Amino acid sequence: MDSKKVFDTKELQARVISGLVFAGVFLFVILEGGLVFVLAVTALVALASLEIYQLLEMKGESPYKFLGILLSSAIPIISYIAPYDFVFAILSFSLIAIFFIQVVSREFKGAIEKVLMTYFGIIYTGWLGGAHSIMMRNIEEHVDVVENFARIDAGAFLFMFVVASTVSADIGAYFAGKRFGRIKIAEKISPGKTLEGFLGGLGLSILVAILMKIIFNPQGTLFTYIFLGALCAFVGLIGDISESALKRDVHVKDSGFLIPGHGGVLDRLDSLIFSIPVLYYVCKYMLF
């Protein structure tokens, strides 16, 4: 197969350049931690929330967009400054606040859709992506981490691990799928996703997981990190296809245009929105 027909050179160049810039900035943010990390996550959650509500509006829904963005963006900050259980209180009061706005509007038409769609945006971006990013980076505050867990602190390593494994799975799937893809995984939702692409992404994710184990020497067996890398690839694929289903429903290719070659923020983070929470709970209840 002629590789020139498979890869769009300009698109590939834009993806590589923007990907490297994004990776460099985010690596600094992860290692820095603290308030810098929280503010970066909050900004990404705000942008992702804006994109998800714009998709819902394209569908003809009328969510309380600004309230949803505000509450979604508040969740990462609250996850950082308040006790762990307080986040669940915010999730509860968020739903009450949405109902309150609906009652004050004195309008019943479309009430179910407005309430559910607004709350969906909060859960999807603020809770799954935002809160769990903060909890993963600060995992030492929630569990009894093994002393000297890795060559860097446990939270930084685990967050780097899940991001590196998930993103490498996406990269591997892109190249393997473009070059060898034949068997469609979810043709109606995401025609570009193939079994060959997934296997290529799985292999690269596992390779990155092994390299992370060698470089940072964390506690645990090599098999543990191979399993975690494979899990990132699988769960990340589900997250990617799930967001594709939302875009397919409103007949758009990308959720936005902020990142050259990648589309919107949500297009870049869709896999991580699923893999970060899953890896957090696996690490919390199994690894530690």
Foldseek 3Di string as FASTA:
>chain_A
DDVCVLDDVVLVVLCVVLVVVVVVVVLVLLQVDDPSVLVVLLVLLLQLLLLLVVLVVLLVADAPSVLLSVLLSVLLVCLQPDDNCVSVVSLVVSLVVLVVVVVVVVDDVRSVRRSVSSSVSSCLRRPLRRNLLSCLLVVVVVAVDDPCQWQGDRSSLLSVLLVVLLVQLVVQLSVQLSVPFDAADCCLQDVSGGPRSLVRSLVRLLVVLLVSCVPTVGDDDNVVSNVLSNLLSVQLVVQLSVVSNSCVSSVDDASACPRRSQGGSCSVCSSVSRSSVVSSVCCRPPVD
